PDB file of N, CA and C in Angstrom:
ATOM      1  N   UNK A   1      -6.293   1.382 -13.607  1.00  0.00           N
ATOM      2  CA  UNK A   1      -5.658   1.244 -12.322  1.00  0.00           C
ATOM      3  C   UNK A   1      -4.658   0.082 -12.388  1.00  0.00           C
ATOM      4  N   UNK A   2      -3.475   0.317 -11.864  1.00  0.00           N
ATOM      5  CA  UNK A   2      -2.454  -0.729 -11.863  1.00  0.00           C
ATOM      6  C   UNK A   2      -2.684  -1.676 -10.696  1.00  0.00           C
ATOM      7  N   UNK A   3      -2.340  -2.919 -10.909  1.00  0.00           N
ATOM      8  CA  UNK A   3      -2.481  -3.907  -9.852  1.00  0.00           C
ATOM      9  C   UNK A   3      -1.234  -4.034  -9.003  1.00  0.00           C
ATOM     10  N   UNK A   4      -0.085  -3.641  -9.529  1.00  0.00           N
ATOM     11  CA  UNK A   4       1.173  -3.791  -8.815  1.00  0.00           C
ATOM     12  C   UNK A   4       1.991  -2.510  -8.894  1.00  0.00           C
ATOM     13  N   UNK A   5       2.796  -2.298  -7.867  1.00  0.00           N
ATOM     14  CA  UNK A   5       3.792  -1.230  -7.845  1.00  0.00           C
ATOM     15  C   UNK A   5       5.136  -1.934  -7.770  1.00  0.00           C
ATOM     16  N   UNK A   6       6.083  -1.490  -8.581  1.00  0.00           N
ATOM     17  CA  UNK A   6       7.374  -2.164  -8.674  1.00  0.00           C
ATOM     18  C   UNK A   6       8.525  -1.285  -8.196  1.00  0.00           C
ATOM     19  N   UNK A   7       9.595  -1.950  -7.736  1.00  0.00           N
ATOM     20  CA  UNK A   7      10.827  -1.258  -7.384  1.00  0.00           C
ATOM     21  C   UNK A   7      11.273  -0.411  -8.574  1.00  0.00           C
ATOM     22  N   UNK A   8      11.722   0.788  -8.310  1.00  0.00           N
ATOM     23  CA  UNK A   8      12.235   1.739  -9.306  1.00  0.00           C
ATOM     24  C   UNK A   8      11.168   2.242 -10.274  1.00  0.00           C
ATOM     25  N   UNK A   9       9.905   1.992  -9.983  1.00  0.00           N
ATOM     26  CA  UNK A   9       8.839   2.476 -10.853  1.00  0.00           C
ATOM     27  C   UNK A   9       8.754   3.998 -10.788  1.00  0.00           C
ATOM     28  N   UNK A  10       8.509   4.598 -11.928  1.00  0.00           N
ATOM     29  CA  UNK A  10       8.252   6.037 -11.998  1.00  0.00           C
ATOM     30  C   UNK A  10       6.896   6.234 -12.663  1.00  0.00           C
ATOM     31  N   UNK A  11       6.523   7.482 -12.877  1.00  0.00           N
ATOM     32  CA  UNK A  11       5.221   7.796 -13.461  1.00  0.00           C
ATOM     33  C   UNK A  11       4.094   7.201 -12.621  1.00  0.00           C
ATOM     34  N   UNK A  12       4.223   7.327 -11.311  1.00  0.00           N
ATOM     35  CA  UNK A  12       3.245   6.824 -10.364  1.00  0.00           C
ATOM     36  C   UNK A  12       2.791   7.982  -9.485  1.00  0.00           C
ATOM     37  N   UNK A  13       1.507   8.065  -9.199  1.00  0.00           N
ATOM     38  CA  UNK A  13       0.981   9.082  -8.298  1.00  0.00           C
ATOM     39  C   UNK A  13       0.491   8.399  -7.024  1.00  0.00           C
ATOM     40  N   UNK A  14       1.006   8.856  -5.883  1.00  0.00           N
ATOM     41  CA  UNK A  14       0.556   8.374  -4.582  1.00  0.00           C
ATOM     42  C   UNK A  14      -0.440   9.402  -4.057  1.00  0.00           C
ATOM     43  N   UNK A  15      -1.643   8.952  -3.723  1.00  0.00           N
ATOM     44  CA  UNK A  15      -2.703   9.842  -3.248  1.00  0.00           C
ATOM     45  C   UNK A  15      -3.152   9.376  -1.863  1.00  0.00           C
ATOM     46  N   UNK A  16      -3.185  10.315  -0.912  1.00  0.00           N
ATOM     47  CA  UNK A  16      -3.655  10.000   0.436  1.00  0.00           C
ATOM     48  C   UNK A  16      -4.746  10.978   0.840  1.00  0.00           C
ATOM     49  N   UNK A  17      -5.755  10.469   1.536  1.00  0.00           N
ATOM     50  CA  UNK A  17      -6.813  11.303   2.104  1.00  0.00           C
ATOM     51  C   UNK A  17      -6.493  11.531   3.577  1.00  0.00           C
ATOM     52  N   UNK A  18      -6.532  12.801   3.995  1.00  0.00           N
ATOM     53  CA  UNK A  18      -6.165  13.134   5.370  1.00  0.00           C
ATOM     54  C   UNK A  18      -7.341  13.141   6.332  1.00  0.00           C
ATOM     55  N   UNK A  19      -8.557  13.130   5.834  1.00  0.00           N
ATOM     56  CA  UNK A  19      -9.774  13.166   6.651  1.00  0.00           C
ATOM     57  C   UNK A  19      -9.921  14.480   7.414  1.00  0.00           C
ATOM     58  N   UNK A  20      -9.287  15.547   6.920  1.00  0.00           N
ATOM     59  CA  UNK A  20      -9.441  16.869   7.514  1.00  0.00           C
ATOM     60  C   UNK A  20      -9.309  17.932   6.429  1.00  0.00           C
ATOM     61  N   UNK A  21      -9.921  19.069   6.645  1.00  0.00           N
ATOM     62  CA  UNK A  21      -9.785  20.177   5.702  1.00  0.00           C
ATOM     63  C   UNK A  21      -8.357  20.702   5.739  1.00  0.00           C
ATOM     64  N   UNK A  22      -7.831  21.038   4.582  1.00  0.00           N
ATOM     65  CA  UNK A  22      -6.465  21.558   4.497  1.00  0.00           C
ATOM     66  C   UNK A  22      -6.452  23.038   4.142  1.00  0.00           C
ATOM     67  N   UNK A  23      -7.551  23.738   4.424  1.00  0.00           N
ATOM     68  CA  UNK A  23      -7.636  25.170   4.096  1.00  0.00           C
ATOM     69  C   UNK A  23      -6.536  25.978   4.758  1.00  0.00           C
ATOM     70  N   UNK A  24      -6.136  25.600   5.959  1.00  0.00           N
ATOM     71  CA  UNK A  24      -5.122  26.359   6.693  1.00  0.00           C
ATOM     72  C   UNK A  24      -3.769  25.636   6.749  1.00  0.00           C
ATOM     73  N   UNK A  25      -3.570  24.691   5.863  1.00  0.00           N
ATOM     74  CA  UNK A  25      -2.306  23.936   5.856  1.00  0.00           C
ATOM     75  C   UNK A  25      -1.180  24.785   5.273  1.00  0.00           C
ATOM     76  N   UNK A  26      -0.035  24.761   5.943  1.00  0.00           N
ATOM     77  CA  UNK A  26       1.175  25.422   5.441  1.00  0.00           C
ATOM     78  C   UNK A  26       1.969  24.490   4.542  1.00  0.00           C
ATOM     79  N   UNK A  27       2.100  23.241   4.969  1.00  0.00           N
ATOM     80  CA  UNK A  27       2.868  22.273   4.184  1.00  0.00           C
ATOM     81  C   UNK A  27       2.330  20.875   4.427  1.00  0.00           C
ATOM     82  N   UNK A  28       2.544  20.024   3.437  1.00  0.00           N
ATOM     83  CA  UNK A  28       2.129  18.624   3.537  1.00  0.00           C
ATOM     84  C   UNK A  28       3.245  17.742   2.997  1.00  0.00           C
ATOM     85  N   UNK A  29       3.340  16.563   3.549  1.00  0.00           N
ATOM     86  CA  UNK A  29       4.293  15.590   3.041  1.00  0.00           C
ATOM     87  C   UNK A  29       3.720  14.202   3.242  1.00  0.00           C
ATOM     88  N   UNK A  30       4.292  13.248   2.543  1.00  0.00           N
ATOM     89  CA  UNK A  30       3.945  11.845   2.734  1.00  0.00           C
ATOM     90  C   UNK A  30       5.170  11.186   3.353  1.00  0.00           C
ATOM     91  N   UNK A  31       5.008  10.735   4.566  1.00  0.00           N
ATOM     92  CA  UNK A  31       6.100  10.066   5.269  1.00  0.00           C
ATOM     93  C   UNK A  31       6.009   8.574   5.015  1.00  0.00           C
ATOM     94  N   UNK A  32       7.155   7.908   5.114  1.00  0.00           N
ATOM     95  CA  UNK A  32       7.181   6.471   4.847  1.00  0.00           C
ATOM     96  C   UNK A  32       8.136   5.740   5.767  1.00  0.00           C
ATOM     97  N   UNK A  33       7.875   4.463   5.892  1.00  0.00           N
ATOM     98  CA  UNK A  33       8.772   3.518   6.525  1.00  0.00           C
ATOM     99  C   UNK A  33       8.959   2.390   5.517  1.00  0.00           C
ATOM    100  N   UNK A  34      10.216   2.147   5.146  1.00  0.00           N
ATOM    101  CA  UNK A  34      10.534   1.103   4.175  1.00  0.00           C
ATOM    102  C   UNK A  34      10.529  -0.271   4.849  1.00  0.00           C
ATOM    103  N   UNK A  35      10.610  -1.338   4.063  1.00  0.00           N
ATOM    104  CA  UNK A  35      10.660  -2.692   4.644  1.00  0.00           C
ATOM    105  C   UNK A  35      11.833  -2.893   5.614  1.00  0.00           C
ATOM    106  N   UNK A  36      12.934  -2.156   5.440  1.00  0.00           N
ATOM    107  CA  UNK A  36      14.074  -2.280   6.353  1.00  0.00           C
ATOM    108  C   UNK A  36      13.956  -1.342   7.556  1.00  0.00           C
ATOM    109  N   UNK A  37      12.800  -0.697   7.692  1.00  0.00           N
ATOM    110  CA  UNK A  37      12.463   0.218   8.784  1.00  0.00           C
ATOM    111  C   UNK A  37      13.107   1.592   8.684  1.00  0.00           C
ATOM    112  N   UNK A  38      13.837   1.876   7.606  1.00  0.00           N
ATOM    113  CA  UNK A  38      14.331   3.231   7.378  1.00  0.00           C
ATOM    114  C   UNK A  38      13.135   4.134   7.090  1.00  0.00           C
ATOM    115  N   UNK A  39      13.176   5.339   7.633  1.00  0.00           N
ATOM    116  CA  UNK A  39      12.071   6.282   7.465  1.00  0.00           C
ATOM    117  C   UNK A  39      12.515   7.497   6.667  1.00  0.00           C
ATOM    118  N   UNK A  40      11.545   8.148   6.049  1.00  0.00           N
ATOM    119  CA  UNK A  40      11.814   9.356   5.279  1.00  0.00           C
ATOM    120  C   UNK A  40      10.507   9.990   4.868  1.00  0.00           C
ATOM    121  N   UNK A  41      10.588  10.893   3.898  1.00  0.00           N
ATOM    122  CA  UNK A  41       9.365  11.556   3.439  1.00  0.00           C
ATOM    123  C   UNK A  41       9.492  11.966   1.979  1.00  0.00           C
ATOM    124  N   UNK A  42       8.337  12.072   1.346  1.00  0.00           N
ATOM    125  CA  UNK A  42       8.226  12.600  -0.009  1.00  0.00           C
ATOM    126  C   UNK A  42       7.545  13.966   0.089  1.00  0.00           C
ATOM    127  N   UNK A  43       8.005  14.927  -0.695  1.00  0.00           N
ATOM    128  CA  UNK A  43       7.271  16.181  -0.791  1.00  0.00           C
ATOM    129  C   UNK A  43       5.917  15.880  -1.397  1.00  0.00           C
ATOM    130  N   UNK A  44       4.897  16.572  -0.948  1.00  0.00           N
ATOM    131  CA  UNK A  44       3.551  16.343  -1.465  1.00  0.00           C
ATOM    132  C   UNK A  44       2.896  17.671  -1.812  1.00  0.00           C
ATOM    133  N   UNK A  45       1.823  17.567  -2.565  1.00  0.00           N
ATOM    134  CA  UNK A  45       1.016  18.720  -2.943  1.00  0.00           C
ATOM    135  C   UNK A  45      -0.398  18.490  -2.457  1.00  0.00           C
ATOM    136  N   UNK A  46      -1.109  19.565  -2.194  1.00  0.00           N
ATOM    137  CA  UNK A  46      -2.520  19.457  -1.852  1.00  0.00           C
ATOM    138  C   UNK A  46      -3.290  19.376  -3.158  1.00  0.00           C
ATOM    139  N   UNK A  47      -4.039  18.305  -3.338  1.00  0.00           N
ATOM    140  CA  UNK A  47      -4.821  18.166  -4.565  1.00  0.00           C
ATOM    141  C   UNK A  47      -6.274  18.594  -4.362  1.00  0.00           C
ATOM    142  N   UNK A  48      -6.763  18.562  -3.124  1.00  0.00           N
ATOM    143  CA  UNK A  48      -8.116  19.047  -2.815  1.00  0.00           C
ATOM    144  C   UNK A  48      -8.145  19.513  -1.363  1.00  0.00           C
ATOM    145  N   UNK A  49      -8.137  20.831  -1.157  1.00  0.00           N
ATOM    146  CA  UNK A  49      -8.104  21.397   0.202  1.00  0.00           C
ATOM    147  C   UNK A  49      -9.325  21.029   1.030  1.00  0.00           C
ATOM    148  N   UNK A  50     -10.507  21.094   0.444  1.00  0.00           N
ATOM    149  CA  UNK A  50     -11.736  20.814   1.189  1.00  0.00           C
ATOM    150  C   UNK A  50     -11.863  19.343   1.564  1.00  0.00           C
ATOM    151  N   UNK A  51     -11.506  18.464   0.648  1.00  0.00           N
ATOM    152  CA  UNK A  51     -11.600  17.027   0.899  1.00  0.00           C
ATOM    153  C   UNK A  51     -10.383  16.480   1.640  1.00  0.00           C
ATOM    154  N   UNK A  52      -9.320  17.287   1.763  1.00  0.00           N
ATOM    155  CA  UNK A  52      -8.134  16.858   2.492  1.00  0.00           C
ATOM    156  C   UNK A  52      -7.292  15.835   1.771  1.00  0.00           C
ATOM    157  N   UNK A  53      -7.163  15.979   0.457  1.00  0.00           N
ATOM    158  CA  UNK A  53      -6.408  15.009  -0.339  1.00  0.00           C
ATOM    159  C   UNK A  53      -5.043  15.583  -0.717  1.00  0.00           C
ATOM    160  N   UNK A  54      -4.005  14.764  -0.529  1.00  0.00           N
ATOM    161  CA  UNK A  54      -2.656  15.161  -0.930  1.00  0.00           C
ATOM    162  C   UNK A  54      -2.102  14.118  -1.892  1.00  0.00           C
ATOM    163  N   UNK A  55      -1.069  14.516  -2.655  1.00  0.00           N
ATOM    164  CA  UNK A  55      -0.493  13.575  -3.616  1.00  0.00           C
ATOM    165  C   UNK A  55       0.998  13.819  -3.796  1.00  0.00           C
ATOM    166  N   UNK A  56       1.658  12.794  -4.282  1.00  0.00           N
ATOM    167  CA  UNK A  56       3.077  12.864  -4.645  1.00  0.00           C
ATOM    168  C   UNK A  56       3.256  12.117  -5.956  1.00  0.00           C
ATOM    169  N   UNK A  57       3.947  12.734  -6.900  1.00  0.00           N
ATOM    170  CA  UNK A  57       4.237  12.096  -8.185  1.00  0.00           C
ATOM    171  C   UNK A  57       5.632  11.486  -8.119  1.00  0.00           C
ATOM    172  N   UNK A  58       5.704  10.171  -8.183  1.00  0.00           N
ATOM    173  CA  UNK A  58       6.987   9.467  -8.162  1.00  0.00           C
ATOM    174  C   UNK A  58       7.613   9.644  -9.537  1.00  0.00           C
ATOM    175  N   UNK A  59       8.786  10.267  -9.581  1.00  0.00           N
ATOM    176  CA  UNK A  59       9.414  10.545 -10.867  1.00  0.00           C
ATOM    177  C   UNK A  59      10.856  10.052 -10.955  1.00  0.00           C
ATOM    178  N   UNK A  60      11.423   9.599  -9.827  1.00  0.00           N
ATOM    179  CA  UNK A  60      12.808   9.129  -9.820  1.00  0.00           C
ATOM    180  C   UNK A  60      12.851   7.664  -9.397  1.00  0.00           C
ATOM    181  N   UNK A  61      13.614   6.836 -10.097  1.00  0.00           N
ATOM    182  CA  UNK A  61      13.675   5.407  -9.766  1.00  0.00           C
ATOM    183  C   UNK A  61      14.088   5.122  -8.325  1.00  0.00           C
ATOM    184  N   UNK A  62      14.934   5.964  -7.746  1.00  0.00           N
ATOM    185  CA  UNK A  62      15.424   5.715  -6.383  1.00  0.00           C
ATOM    186  C   UNK A  62      14.396   5.997  -5.288  1.00  0.00           C
ATOM    187  N   UNK A  63      13.234   6.537  -5.655  1.00  0.00           N
ATOM    188  CA  UNK A  63      12.219   6.816  -4.626  1.00  0.00           C
ATOM    189  C   UNK A  63      11.612   5.532  -4.061  1.00  0.00           C
ATOM    190  N   UNK A  64      11.320   4.576  -4.904  1.00  0.00           N
ATOM    191  CA  UNK A  64      10.803   3.273  -4.456  1.00  0.00           C
ATOM    192  C   UNK A  64      11.893   2.247  -4.734  1.00  0.00           C
ATOM    193  N   UNK A  65      12.872   2.197  -3.862  1.00  0.00           N
ATOM    194  CA  UNK A  65      14.110   1.463  -4.137  1.00  0.00           C
ATOM    195  C   UNK A  65      14.229   0.102  -3.458  1.00  0.00           C
ATOM    196  N   UNK A  66      13.135  -0.364  -2.843  1.00  0.00           N
ATOM    197  CA  UNK A  66      13.242  -1.605  -2.089  1.00  0.00           C
ATOM    198  C   UNK A  66      11.925  -2.391  -2.176  1.00  0.00           C
ATOM    199  N   UNK A  67      12.006  -3.699  -2.465  1.00  0.00           N
ATOM    200  CA  UNK A  67      10.781  -4.501  -2.477  1.00  0.00           C
ATOM    201  C   UNK A  67      10.315  -4.801  -1.056  1.00  0.00           C
ATOM    202  N   UNK A  68       9.023  -5.031  -0.920  1.00  0.00           N
ATOM    203  CA  UNK A  68       8.452  -5.392   0.377  1.00  0.00           C
ATOM    204  C   UNK A  68       7.350  -4.435   0.792  1.00  0.00           C
ATOM    205  N   UNK A  69       6.930  -4.568   2.057  1.00  0.00           N
ATOM    206  CA  UNK A  69       5.847  -3.748   2.587  1.00  0.00           C
ATOM    207  C   UNK A  69       6.348  -2.382   3.037  1.00  0.00           C
ATOM    208  N   UNK A  70       5.745  -1.345   2.501  1.00  0.00           N
ATOM    209  CA  UNK A  70       6.016   0.047   2.869  1.00  0.00           C
ATOM    210  C   UNK A  70       4.811   0.570   3.639  1.00  0.00           C
ATOM    211  N   UNK A  71       5.055   1.412   4.635  1.00  0.00           N
ATOM    212  CA  UNK A  71       3.998   2.142   5.326  1.00  0.00           C
ATOM    213  C   UNK A  71       4.077   3.594   4.877  1.00  0.00           C
ATOM    214  N   UNK A  72       2.927   4.175   4.534  1.00  0.00           N
ATOM    215  CA  UNK A  72       2.845   5.571   4.096  1.00  0.00           C
ATOM    216  C   UNK A  72       1.805   6.288   4.942  1.00  0.00           C
ATOM    217  N   UNK A  73       2.082   7.539   5.324  1.00  0.00           N
ATOM    218  CA  UNK A  73       1.088   8.323   6.041  1.00  0.00           C
ATOM    219  C   UNK A  73       1.284   9.805   5.731  1.00  0.00           C
ATOM    220  N   UNK A  74       0.194  10.529   5.825  1.00  0.00           N
ATOM    221  CA  UNK A  74       0.249  11.975   5.577  1.00  0.00           C
ATOM    222  C   UNK A  74       0.779  12.682   6.817  1.00  0.00           C
ATOM    223  N   UNK A  75       1.379  13.849   6.596  1.00  0.00           N
ATOM    224  CA  UNK A  75       1.829  14.701   7.696  1.00  0.00           C
ATOM    225  C   UNK A  75       1.553  16.136   7.263  1.00  0.00           C
ATOM    226  N   UNK A  76       0.735  16.839   8.062  1.00  0.00           N
ATOM    227  CA  UNK A  76       0.297  18.191   7.717  1.00  0.00           C
ATOM    228  C   UNK A  76       0.759  19.162   8.788  1.00  0.00           C
ATOM    229  N   UNK A  77       1.298  20.291   8.349  1.00  0.00           N
ATOM    230  CA  UNK A  77       1.628  21.404   9.252  1.00  0.00           C
ATOM    231  C   UNK A  77       0.681  22.550   8.923  1.00  0.00           C
ATOM    232  N   UNK A  78       0.010  23.076   9.955  1.00  0.00           N
ATOM    233  CA  UNK A  78      -0.942  24.161   9.768  1.00  0.00           C
ATOM    234  C   UNK A  78      -0.305  25.510  10.095  1.00  0.00           C
ATOM    235  N   UNK A  79      -0.914  26.580   9.584  1.00  0.00           N
ATOM    236  CA  UNK A  79      -0.372  27.932   9.746  1.00  0.00           C
ATOM    237  C   UNK A  79      -0.285  28.366  11.204  1.00  0.00           C
ATOM    238  N   UNK A  80      -1.084  27.777  12.101  1.00  0.00           N
ATOM    239  CA  UNK A  80      -1.038  28.150  13.519  1.00  0.00           C
ATOM    240  C   UNK A  80      -0.060  27.292  14.328  1.00  0.00           C
ATOM    241  N   UNK A  81       0.746  26.469  13.648  1.00  0.00           N
ATOM    242  CA  UNK A  81       1.762  25.673  14.326  1.00  0.00           C
ATOM    243  C   UNK A  81       1.352  24.238  14.634  1.00  0.00           C
ATOM    244  N   UNK A  82       0.080  23.904  14.471  1.00  0.00           N
ATOM    245  CA  UNK A  82      -0.360  22.528  14.723  1.00  0.00           C
ATOM    246  C   UNK A  82       0.209  21.584  13.664  1.00  0.00           C
ATOM    247  N   UNK A  83       0.409  20.328  14.058  1.00  0.00           N
ATOM    248  CA  UNK A  83       0.837  19.277  13.136  1.00  0.00           C
ATOM    249  C   UNK A  83      -0.144  18.123  13.254  1.00  0.00           C
ATOM    250  N   UNK A  84      -0.398  17.458  12.144  1.00  0.00           N
ATOM    251  CA  UNK A  84      -1.341  16.344  12.148  1.00  0.00           C
ATOM    252  C   UNK A  84      -0.797  15.179  11.334  1.00  0.00           C
ATOM    253  N   UNK A  85      -0.314  14.139  12.006  1.00  0.00           N
ATOM    254  CA  UNK A  85       0.075  12.932  11.276  1.00  0.00           C
ATOM    255  C   UNK A  85      -1.164  12.105  10.968  1.00  0.00           C
ATOM    256  N   UNK A  86      -1.154  11.437   9.829  1.00  0.00           N
ATOM    257  CA  UNK A  86      -2.284  10.592   9.447  1.00  0.00           C
ATOM    258  C   UNK A  86      -2.072   9.153   9.850  1.00  0.00           C
ATOM    259  N   UNK A  87      -3.052   8.349   9.556  1.00  0.00           N
ATOM    260  CA  UNK A  87      -2.985   6.912   9.816  1.00  0.00           C
ATOM    261  C   UNK A  87      -2.204   6.237   8.694  1.00  0.00           C
ATOM    262  N   UNK A  88      -1.338   5.326   9.043  1.00  0.00           N
ATOM    263  CA  UNK A  88      -0.500   4.646   8.043  1.00  0.00           C
ATOM    264  C   UNK A  88      -1.314   3.668   7.201  1.00  0.00           C
ATOM    265  N   UNK A  89      -0.965   3.622   5.925  1.00  0.00           N
ATOM    266  CA  UNK A  89      -1.490   2.615   5.014  1.00  0.00           C
ATOM    267  C   UNK A  89      -0.306   1.808   4.500  1.00  0.00           C
ATOM    268  N   UNK A  90      -0.559   0.552   4.165  1.00  0.00           N
ATOM    269  CA  UNK A  90       0.519  -0.313   3.687  1.00  0.00           C
ATOM    270  C   UNK A  90       0.361  -0.561   2.203  1.00  0.00           C
ATOM    271  N   UNK A  91       1.495  -0.513   1.503  1.00  0.00           N
ATOM    272  CA  UNK A  91       1.522  -0.905   0.096  1.00  0.00           C
ATOM    273  C   UNK A  91       2.649  -1.927  -0.072  1.00  0.00           C
ATOM    274  N   UNK A  92       2.476  -2.813  -1.027  1.00  0.00           N
ATOM    275  CA  UNK A  92       3.520  -3.785  -1.318  1.00  0.00           C
ATOM    276  C   UNK A  92       4.207  -3.369  -2.609  1.00  0.00           C
ATOM    277  N   UNK A  93       5.536  -3.247  -2.542  1.00  0.00           N
ATOM    278  CA  UNK A  93       6.334  -2.921  -3.718  1.00  0.00           C
ATOM    279  C   UNK A  93       7.011  -4.217  -4.173  1.00  0.00           C
ATOM    280  N   UNK A  94       6.709  -4.621  -5.400  1.00  0.00           N
ATOM    281  CA  UNK A  94       7.211  -5.871  -5.951  1.00  0.00           C
ATOM    282  C   UNK A  94       8.597  -5.688  -6.563  1.00  0.00           C
ATOM    283  N   UNK A  95       9.417  -6.759  -6.538  1.00  0.00           N
ATOM    284  CA  UNK A  95      10.689  -6.730  -7.257  1.00  0.00           C
ATOM    285  C   UNK A  95      10.413  -6.564  -8.747  1.00  0.00           C
ATOM    286  N   UNK A  96      11.338  -5.954  -9.473  1.00  0.00           N
ATOM    287  CA  UNK A  96      11.168  -5.820 -10.907  1.00  0.00           C
ATOM    288  C   UNK A  96      11.054  -7.196 -11.542  1.00  0.00           C
ATOM    289  N   UNK A  97      10.175  -7.314 -12.517  1.00  0.00           N
ATOM    290  CA  UNK A  97      10.031  -8.556 -13.251  1.00  0.00           C
ATOM    291  C   UNK A  97       9.032  -9.535 -12.693  1.00  0.00           C
ATOM    292  N   UNK A  98       8.408  -9.241 -11.563  1.00  0.00           N
ATOM    293  CA  UNK A  98       7.408 -10.180 -11.008  1.00  0.00           C
ATOM    294  C   UNK A  98       6.030  -9.820 -11.492  1.00  0.00           C
TER     295      UNK A  98
END
């Protein structure tokens, strides 16, 4: 397990637990708020439908492009039209070289 996440890091997997079954999920994403308050989302995959776990593999340097505190949360769309945002978690992204 890594102790730090760095700006422009790749080969990183972000895993979030949704606390709900994803058997009827149509799509999932991981939404974020950067330290400058800009918001966006990463495409995600369901890694365990029963346990409600989703993940995103960071593969491009520009995905984590800013040092500081990031907020991440799951967002699930179900086949019947319901949407479920998750609770935000905070991660700290360190400048390169620290």
